C-alpha cells in the first residue's frame, strides 16, 4: 500500500477493539458468507466512512487523519498484498503507528481480501495502473510502471566507477519525469584516477496501456542525454544523444514476472554511432512471513546492444541479481548483481552493480524501519 498514506490509515483506521468486536460478530448470521461491503461497513466505516472519504469523528478522535479512498493517486499504487499485510498484522508490522490494530483475530485473510476489494471500488477512474503491475526494478532494464522515487546506482569494474543519482517523479495516472546525474571516476593510462560529472539525462515516460486482468503494462519513453562530461578526462560520450524505448511488464504468475525493454539511441554528432538495444528480465518474488514480510527477488537479465554500423558486433551480457526490501515499510530497497559479458570478452570487463532506492511517496527515508 502507499506507505506514507498508510501512516494516515494507521491512526485514523484504528477502531477501538471494544467497539469493533460486537460490530463484527453481528455483521452476518453464522454460516452465511459476508460480502466485502458488509465487512467494510462493520469494521471500517466508523473511521473511514461509508463512502471511503474518512469519517469526521475519526478525524477528531485520532492524531492522524483518515485517507480518502476515492483518491486514485493513493488507492492504486500498491498491490492488494500490502493492504492485507497491514490489516492482518497491524501498523507495527509494516513500520506504522501501533494505533492500527491487527485484525488477524477478528477477520480471516479471505475476509480481509474482500474488504480490500471493496475499498478498491472507491477509485472510479480506470486510467490508474494497479500496484500489482509495479514490478521490481532491475539493475539495468527500465520498468514500465511510473514511480516517485530517488535512487543511487553504482557500476564498478577494474578501470571505472560510475555513481548515478536518480530522481523520478510521477505526474497523474500515467506519466513520469526522470533526471539522472552521474559522477564518474576513471583510471587513465598512467594509473591515475580522475573524476567528474558525466552526461546528464532527462527522460519522460508515459504508460500506453495496462490491464490487471491480463497482468500487463506497456510504456513509451524518450530520453535526452546532454554531453556535460569531460571527454578529455575520459568521462561522458561527447555528444548529445536522443534515446527512445518501449517498456513492457507481464505477470506470469502472482509472484513471477517478465519485463522487456526495446529501444535505441541517435547521436547528434554523426561521427558517433547510433545504437539499438534489447533487454529482458525474468524474476520471482520470495516473501517471508506467509507472504506479508520481507521480499527477496532473484532476477536474471539478458542484455543485448549493437552499434548501427555494417560490421559492428552485437554484445550480449547476463546479469544475475537479487533485490531485497530493507525497511519494514518496504519503501527502501536494495539490489546487487554481476554483469557478465557473453561475447567479445577481451574488451568488455565484468561489472558489479548495486542500487539503493527510496520510494519517497511512501514516507521519509528514516521512517518505517
Protein backbone atom coordinates (compact mmCIF):
# COMPACT_ATOMS: atom_id res chain seq x y z
CA UNK A 1 0.00 0.00 0.00
CA UNK A 2 1.20 3.59 -0.37
CA UNK A 3 3.19 3.61 2.84
CA UNK A 4 3.19 7.33 3.50
CA UNK A 5 -0.58 7.40 3.28
CA UNK A 6 -0.82 4.13 5.15
CA UNK A 7 0.59 6.02 8.11
CA UNK A 8 -2.58 8.05 7.97
CA UNK A 9 -4.59 4.83 7.86
CA UNK A 10 -2.63 3.57 10.82
CA UNK A 11 -4.00 6.33 13.03
CA UNK A 12 -7.39 7.03 11.57
CA UNK A 13 -8.23 3.46 10.70
CA UNK A 14 -7.62 2.29 14.25
CA UNK A 15 -11.07 1.39 15.51
CA UNK A 16 -11.18 0.62 19.20
CA UNK A 17 -11.47 -3.14 19.52
CA UNK A 18 -14.19 -2.89 22.12
CA UNK A 19 -16.34 -1.12 19.56
CA UNK A 20 -15.42 -3.30 16.62
CA UNK A 21 -15.84 -6.71 18.19
CA UNK A 22 -19.64 -6.56 18.61
CA UNK A 23 -19.99 -4.97 15.19
CA UNK A 24 -18.10 -7.80 13.57
CA UNK A 25 -19.89 -10.54 15.44
CA UNK A 26 -23.28 -9.29 14.24
CA UNK A 27 -22.22 -8.45 10.70
CA UNK A 28 -23.97 -11.52 9.29
CA UNK A 29 -25.75 -14.61 10.52
CA UNK A 30 -23.49 -17.52 11.42
CA UNK A 31 -22.55 -19.69 8.46
CA UNK A 32 -23.56 -17.17 5.80
CA UNK A 33 -20.94 -15.58 3.53
CA UNK A 34 -20.27 -11.90 4.15
CA UNK A 35 -19.56 -9.51 1.30
CA UNK A 36 -16.69 -7.08 1.27
CA UNK A 37 -19.12 -4.18 1.54
CA UNK A 38 -20.81 -5.66 4.62
CA UNK A 39 -17.47 -6.34 6.31
CA UNK A 40 -16.26 -2.84 5.47
CA UNK A 41 -19.39 -1.27 6.95
CA UNK A 42 -18.97 -3.29 10.14
CA UNK A 43 -15.21 -2.97 10.57
CA UNK A 44 -14.02 0.13 8.75
CA UNK A 45 -16.80 2.67 8.15
CA UNK A 46 -16.62 4.01 11.71
CA UNK A 47 -13.35 5.74 10.85
CA UNK A 48 -13.19 5.68 7.07
CA UNK A 49 -16.82 6.47 6.33
CA UNK A 50 -19.27 4.51 4.23
CA UNK A 51 -18.17 6.49 1.18
CA UNK A 52 -14.45 5.89 1.83
CA UNK A 53 -13.66 9.56 2.27
CA UNK A 54 -12.94 9.35 6.01
CA UNK A 55 -15.30 9.93 8.92
CA UNK A 56 -15.29 13.31 10.66
CA UNK A 57 -15.45 11.62 14.07
CA UNK A 58 -12.24 9.75 13.36
CA UNK A 59 -10.50 12.96 12.33
CA UNK A 60 -11.14 14.47 15.74
CA UNK A 61 -10.50 11.29 17.74
CA UNK A 62 -7.13 10.27 16.29
CA UNK A 63 -3.90 12.19 15.65
CA UNK A 64 -3.70 11.08 12.01
CA UNK A 65 -6.44 11.96 9.55
CA UNK A 66 -8.04 9.11 7.62
CA UNK A 67 -7.17 8.91 3.93
CA UNK A 68 -9.54 9.42 1.07
CA UNK A 69 -10.05 6.03 -0.57
CA UNK A 70 -11.63 7.78 -3.56
CA UNK A 71 -8.24 9.42 -4.29
CA UNK A 72 -6.91 7.14 -7.02
CA UNK A 73 -3.39 8.51 -6.63
CA UNK A 74 -3.38 6.98 -3.15
CA UNK A 75 -5.56 3.93 -3.64
CA UNK A 76 -3.96 2.32 -6.70
CA UNK A 77 -0.19 2.43 -6.16
CA UNK A 78 0.42 -0.76 -4.20
CA UNK A 79 -0.80 -4.37 -4.59
CA UNK A 80 -3.57 -5.95 -2.54
CA UNK A 81 -0.97 -7.93 -0.60
CA UNK A 82 0.35 -4.73 1.03
CA UNK A 83 -3.11 -3.67 2.19
CA UNK A 84 -3.78 -7.16 3.53
CA UNK A 85 -0.44 -7.26 5.37
CA UNK A 86 -1.21 -4.07 7.33
CA UNK A 87 -4.78 -5.09 8.15
CA UNK A 88 -3.66 -8.57 9.20
CA UNK A 89 -0.59 -7.62 11.26
CA UNK A 90 -1.45 -4.12 12.42
CA UNK A 91 0.53 -0.93 11.94
CA UNK A 92 3.84 -2.06 13.52
CA UNK A 93 4.06 -5.00 11.09
CA UNK A 94 4.93 -2.50 8.34
CA UNK A 95 6.51 0.27 10.40
CA UNK A 96 3.33 2.25 11.09
CA UNK A 97 1.67 3.51 14.25
CA UNK A 98 0.51 0.99 16.86
CA UNK A 99 -2.94 2.65 16.80
CA UNK A 100 -3.66 0.50 13.78
CA UNK A 101 -4.70 -2.81 15.36
CA UNK A 102 -4.23 -6.28 13.98
CA UNK A 103 -7.40 -7.79 12.54
CA UNK A 104 -5.96 -11.30 12.47
CA UNK A 105 -8.17 -12.37 15.39
CA UNK A 106 -11.31 -10.70 14.03
CA UNK A 107 -11.25 -11.39 10.29
CA UNK A 108 -9.89 -14.22 8.21
CA UNK A 109 -7.43 -13.38 5.46
CA UNK A 110 -10.13 -14.11 2.90
CA UNK A 111 -12.46 -11.64 4.63
CA UNK A 112 -9.72 -9.00 4.71
CA UNK A 113 -9.16 -9.58 1.00
CA UNK A 114 -12.86 -8.99 0.35
CA UNK A 115 -12.70 -5.73 2.30
CA UNK A 116 -9.71 -4.62 0.22
CA UNK A 117 -11.60 -5.44 -2.98
CA UNK A 118 -14.44 -3.21 -1.79
CA UNK A 119 -12.01 -0.41 -0.91
CA UNK A 120 -10.61 -0.62 -4.43
CA UNK A 121 -14.06 0.17 -5.81
CA UNK A 122 -13.93 3.68 -4.33
CA UNK A 123 -11.49 4.75 -7.08
CA UNK A 124 -13.76 5.47 -10.03
CA UNK A 125 -11.04 6.22 -12.60
CA UNK A 126 -9.77 3.38 -14.80
CA UNK A 127 -6.67 5.21 -16.04
CA UNK A 128 -4.51 4.45 -13.00
CA UNK A 129 -2.34 1.31 -13.30
CA UNK A 130 -2.75 -1.01 -10.32
CA UNK A 131 0.10 -1.71 -7.93
CA UNK A 132 0.21 -5.37 -8.93
CA UNK A 133 1.80 -4.15 -12.18
CA UNK A 134 4.53 -2.28 -10.28
CA UNK A 135 7.18 -4.96 -10.78
CA UNK A 136 10.58 -4.95 -9.04
CA UNK A 137 13.13 -2.69 -10.67
CA UNK A 138 16.02 -4.46 -12.35
CA UNK A 139 19.57 -3.11 -12.26
CA UNK A 140 19.66 -2.12 -15.95
CA UNK A 141 16.30 -2.74 -17.65
CA UNK A 142 13.79 0.10 -17.23
CA UNK A 143 10.34 -0.83 -15.99
CA UNK A 144 7.01 0.35 -17.35
CA UNK A 145 5.31 1.49 -14.12
CA UNK A 146 5.61 5.23 -13.24
CA UNK A 147 7.18 5.92 -9.83
CA UNK A 148 8.02 8.58 -7.24
CA UNK A 149 11.48 7.63 -6.06
CA UNK A 150 15.10 8.58 -5.52
CA UNK A 151 17.95 6.18 -6.17
CA UNK A 152 21.71 5.77 -6.04
CA UNK A 153 23.13 3.32 -8.58
CA UNK A 154 26.77 2.25 -8.70
CA UNK A 155 28.52 0.46 -11.58
CA UNK A 156 32.10 -0.67 -10.93
CA UNK A 157 34.77 -2.53 -12.88
CA UNK A 158 38.54 -2.67 -12.86
CA UNK A 159 39.00 0.72 -14.54
CA UNK A 160 35.97 2.85 -13.71
CA UNK A 161 33.30 3.58 -11.11
CA UNK A 162 30.07 5.38 -12.04
CA UNK A 163 27.60 6.59 -9.41
CA UNK A 164 24.24 7.73 -10.74
CA UNK A 165 21.87 9.85 -8.68
CA UNK A 166 18.33 9.38 -9.96
CA UNK A 167 15.20 11.41 -9.23
CA UNK A 168 11.85 10.20 -10.58
CA UNK A 169 8.53 11.99 -10.17
CA UNK A 170 5.14 10.73 -11.24
CA UNK A 171 2.61 13.07 -12.83
CA UNK A 172 -1.01 11.98 -12.86
CA UNK A 173 -2.01 8.43 -13.64
CA UNK A 174 0.42 7.58 -16.43
CA UNK A 175 3.40 9.96 -16.69
CA UNK A 176 6.85 10.17 -15.10
CA UNK A 177 9.81 12.56 -15.28
CA UNK A 178 13.28 11.20 -14.51
CA UNK A 179 16.56 13.10 -14.07
CA UNK A 180 19.93 11.33 -13.78
CA UNK A 181 23.15 12.97 -12.56
CA UNK A 182 26.19 10.67 -12.96
CA UNK A 183 29.53 11.03 -11.21
CA UNK A 184 32.30 9.09 -12.93
CA UNK A 185 35.77 8.11 -11.78
CA UNK A 186 38.12 6.56 -14.35
CA UNK A 187 41.69 5.30 -14.33
CA UNK A 188 43.88 6.73 -17.08
CA UNK A 189 46.81 5.10 -18.85
CA UNK A 190 49.25 6.34 -16.18
CA UNK A 191 47.30 4.66 -13.38
CA UNK A 192 45.89 7.92 -12.04
CA UNK A 193 42.19 8.17 -11.18
CA UNK A 194 40.22 11.16 -12.38
CA UNK A 195 36.62 12.07 -11.64
CA UNK A 196 33.87 14.45 -12.62
CA UNK A 197 30.25 14.86 -13.60
CA UNK A 198 29.23 12.69 -16.53
CA UNK A 199 26.47 13.21 -19.09
CA UNK A 200 23.19 14.40 -17.55
CA UNK A 201 19.99 12.79 -18.81
CA UNK A 202 16.34 13.80 -18.75
CA UNK A 203 13.57 11.30 -19.54
CA UNK A 204 9.79 11.34 -19.91
CA UNK A 205 7.79 8.12 -19.66
CA UNK A 206 4.12 7.54 -20.47
CA UNK A 207 2.01 4.44 -19.86
CA UNK A 208 0.29 3.48 -23.11
CA UNK A 209 -1.86 0.62 -21.85
CA UNK A 210 -2.34 -1.54 -18.78
CA UNK A 211 -4.60 -4.39 -17.74
CA UNK A 212 -4.80 -6.04 -14.34
CA UNK A 213 -6.87 -8.85 -15.85
CA UNK A 214 -4.08 -9.64 -18.32
CA UNK A 215 -1.32 -8.73 -15.87
CA UNK A 216 0.26 -6.43 -18.44
CA UNK A 217 1.60 -2.88 -18.72
CA UNK A 218 3.38 -1.13 -21.60
CA UNK A 219 5.02 2.31 -21.67
CA UNK A 220 6.94 4.51 -24.08
CA UNK A 221 9.76 6.84 -23.08
CA UNK A 222 12.07 9.42 -24.58
CA UNK A 223 15.39 10.46 -23.06
CA UNK A 224 17.79 13.31 -23.83
CA UNK A 225 21.44 12.77 -22.84
CA UNK A 226 23.42 16.02 -22.65
CA UNK A 227 27.23 15.98 -23.17
CA UNK A 228 28.14 17.54 -19.82
CA UNK A 229 31.06 15.18 -19.18
CA UNK A 230 34.70 15.87 -20.00
CA UNK A 231 35.94 13.64 -22.80
CA UNK A 232 39.47 14.86 -22.09
CA UNK A 233 39.21 13.01 -18.78
CA UNK A 234 37.53 10.02 -20.38
CA UNK A 235 34.16 10.97 -18.88
CA UNK A 236 30.97 11.13 -20.92
CA UNK A 237 30.10 10.32 -24.52
CA UNK A 238 30.99 13.66 -26.09
CA UNK A 239 27.71 14.22 -27.95
CA UNK A 240 24.02 14.81 -27.40
CA UNK A 241 22.01 11.60 -27.71
CA UNK A 242 18.27 11.10 -28.02
CA UNK A 243 17.03 7.71 -26.84
CA UNK A 244 13.58 6.17 -27.14
CA UNK A 245 12.26 2.85 -25.91
CA UNK A 246 9.24 0.69 -25.19
CA UNK A 247 8.99 -0.99 -21.78
CA UNK A 248 6.71 -3.94 -21.10
CA UNK A 249 5.84 -5.78 -17.89
CA UNK A 250 3.97 -9.08 -17.64
CA UNK A 251 2.85 -11.09 -14.62
CA UNK A 252 3.39 -14.77 -15.41
CA UNK A 253 2.08 -15.89 -12.01
CA UNK A 254 1.20 -13.98 -8.81
CA UNK A 255 4.92 -13.61 -7.92
CA UNK A 256 6.69 -14.42 -11.18
CA UNK A 257 7.20 -11.76 -13.83
CA UNK A 258 8.81 -10.84 -17.14
CA UNK A 259 9.99 -7.39 -18.19
CA UNK A 260 11.15 -6.30 -21.65
CA UNK A 261 12.74 -3.12 -22.97
CA UNK A 262 13.50 -2.39 -26.62
CA UNK A 263 14.90 0.86 -27.98
CA UNK A 264 17.80 2.79 -29.37
CA UNK A 265 19.81 5.99 -29.31
CA UNK A 266 20.58 8.51 -32.07
CA UNK A 267 23.71 10.65 -31.69
CA UNK A 268 23.62 14.31 -32.73
CA UNK A 269 27.29 14.19 -33.74
CA UNK A 270 27.32 11.91 -36.77
CA UNK A 271 30.90 10.88 -36.00
CA UNK A 272 29.36 8.83 -33.19
CA UNK A 273 27.49 5.62 -33.94
CA UNK A 274 23.79 5.17 -33.25
CA UNK A 275 22.84 2.18 -31.12
CA UNK A 276 19.99 -0.28 -30.67
CA UNK A 277 19.36 -2.37 -27.57
CA UNK A 278 17.07 -5.09 -26.27
CA UNK A 279 16.75 -6.20 -22.65
CA UNK A 280 14.77 -8.86 -20.81
CA UNK A 281 14.26 -9.67 -17.13
CA UNK A 282 12.81 -12.79 -15.53
CA UNK A 283 12.21 -12.73 -11.77
CA UNK A 284 10.33 -14.29 -8.89
CA UNK A 285 9.43 -12.81 -5.51
CA UNK A 286 10.06 -14.81 -2.34
CA UNK A 287 8.17 -13.22 0.56
CA UNK A 288 8.71 -14.14 4.20
CA UNK A 289 6.08 -14.50 6.95
CA UNK A 290 3.40 -16.08 4.84
CA UNK A 291 3.63 -13.50 2.07
CA UNK A 292 3.47 -10.47 4.37
CA UNK A 293 7.13 -9.87 5.31
CA UNK A 294 10.46 -9.04 3.69
CA UNK A 295 10.67 -9.72 -0.05
CA UNK A 296 13.66 -11.35 -1.75
CA UNK A 297 13.54 -11.16 -5.54
CA UNK A 298 16.13 -13.06 -7.59
CA UNK A 299 16.24 -11.88 -11.21
CA UNK A 300 18.22 -12.63 -14.34
CA UNK A 301 18.70 -10.02 -17.05
CA UNK A 302 19.73 -10.71 -20.64
CA UNK A 303 21.17 -7.54 -22.17
CA UNK A 304 21.86 -7.04 -25.86
CA UNK A 305 23.25 -3.98 -27.68
CA UNK A 306 24.66 -3.21 -31.10
CA UNK A 307 26.05 -0.13 -32.79
CA UNK A 308 24.19 0.52 -36.05
CA UNK A 309 27.19 0.03 -38.31
CA UNK A 310 27.63 -2.58 -41.01
CA UNK A 311 30.37 -4.60 -39.34
CA UNK A 312 29.56 -3.87 -35.70
CA UNK A 313 29.46 -6.70 -33.17
CA UNK A 314 26.32 -7.41 -31.14
CA UNK A 315 27.18 -7.52 -27.46
CA UNK A 316 25.28 -9.87 -25.14
CA UNK A 317 25.56 -9.90 -21.34
CA UNK A 318 23.99 -11.87 -18.50
CA UNK A 319 23.18 -10.13 -15.23
CA UNK A 320 22.09 -12.31 -12.28
CA UNK A 321 20.92 -10.17 -9.37
CA UNK A 322 19.00 -10.04 -6.10
CA UNK A 323 16.67 -7.32 -4.84
CA UNK A 324 15.82 -7.11 -1.12
CA UNK A 325 13.30 -4.92 0.69
CA UNK A 326 15.26 -3.31 3.51
CA UNK A 327 12.73 -1.35 5.59
CA UNK A 328 9.70 -2.85 7.32
CA UNK A 329 7.56 -0.48 5.28
CA UNK A 330 9.28 -1.80 2.14
CA UNK A 331 9.82 1.69 0.74
CA UNK A 332 13.61 1.33 0.86
CA UNK A 333 15.05 -1.48 -1.25
CA UNK A 334 18.49 -2.55 -2.40
CA UNK A 335 19.87 -4.77 -5.13
CA UNK A 336 23.22 -6.21 -6.17
CA UNK A 337 24.31 -8.11 -9.27
CA UNK A 338 27.18 -9.02 -11.57
CA UNK A 339 27.12 -8.18 -15.29
CA UNK A 340 28.98 -10.88 -17.23
CA UNK A 341 29.90 -10.47 -20.92
CA UNK A 342 28.93 -13.50 -23.01
CA UNK A 343 30.87 -12.50 -26.13
CA UNK A 344 33.71 -10.11 -27.02
CA UNK A 345 35.08 -10.57 -23.52
CA UNK A 346 38.56 -9.23 -24.18
CA UNK A 347 37.36 -5.62 -24.48
CA UNK A 348 34.45 -5.72 -22.04
CA UNK A 349 35.10 -6.25 -18.32
CA UNK A 350 32.81 -7.91 -15.81
CA UNK A 351 30.95 -5.29 -13.75
CA UNK A 352 29.45 -5.19 -10.26
CA UNK A 353 26.20 -3.22 -9.99
CA UNK A 354 24.44 -2.02 -6.84
CA UNK A 355 21.48 0.25 -6.17
CA UNK A 356 19.62 1.71 -3.21
CA UNK A 357 16.11 3.02 -3.91
CA UNK A 358 13.87 5.15 -1.69
CA UNK A 359 10.19 5.35 -2.66
CA UNK A 360 9.71 8.84 -1.23
CA UNK A 361 5.95 8.90 -1.80
CA UNK A 362 5.65 6.24 0.92
CA UNK A 363 7.37 8.19 3.70
CA UNK A 364 10.69 9.54 4.93
CA UNK A 365 13.81 7.50 4.30
CA UNK A 366 14.44 7.18 8.05
CA UNK A 367 10.87 6.19 8.94
CA UNK A 368 9.20 2.80 8.75
CA UNK A 369 12.14 0.66 9.87
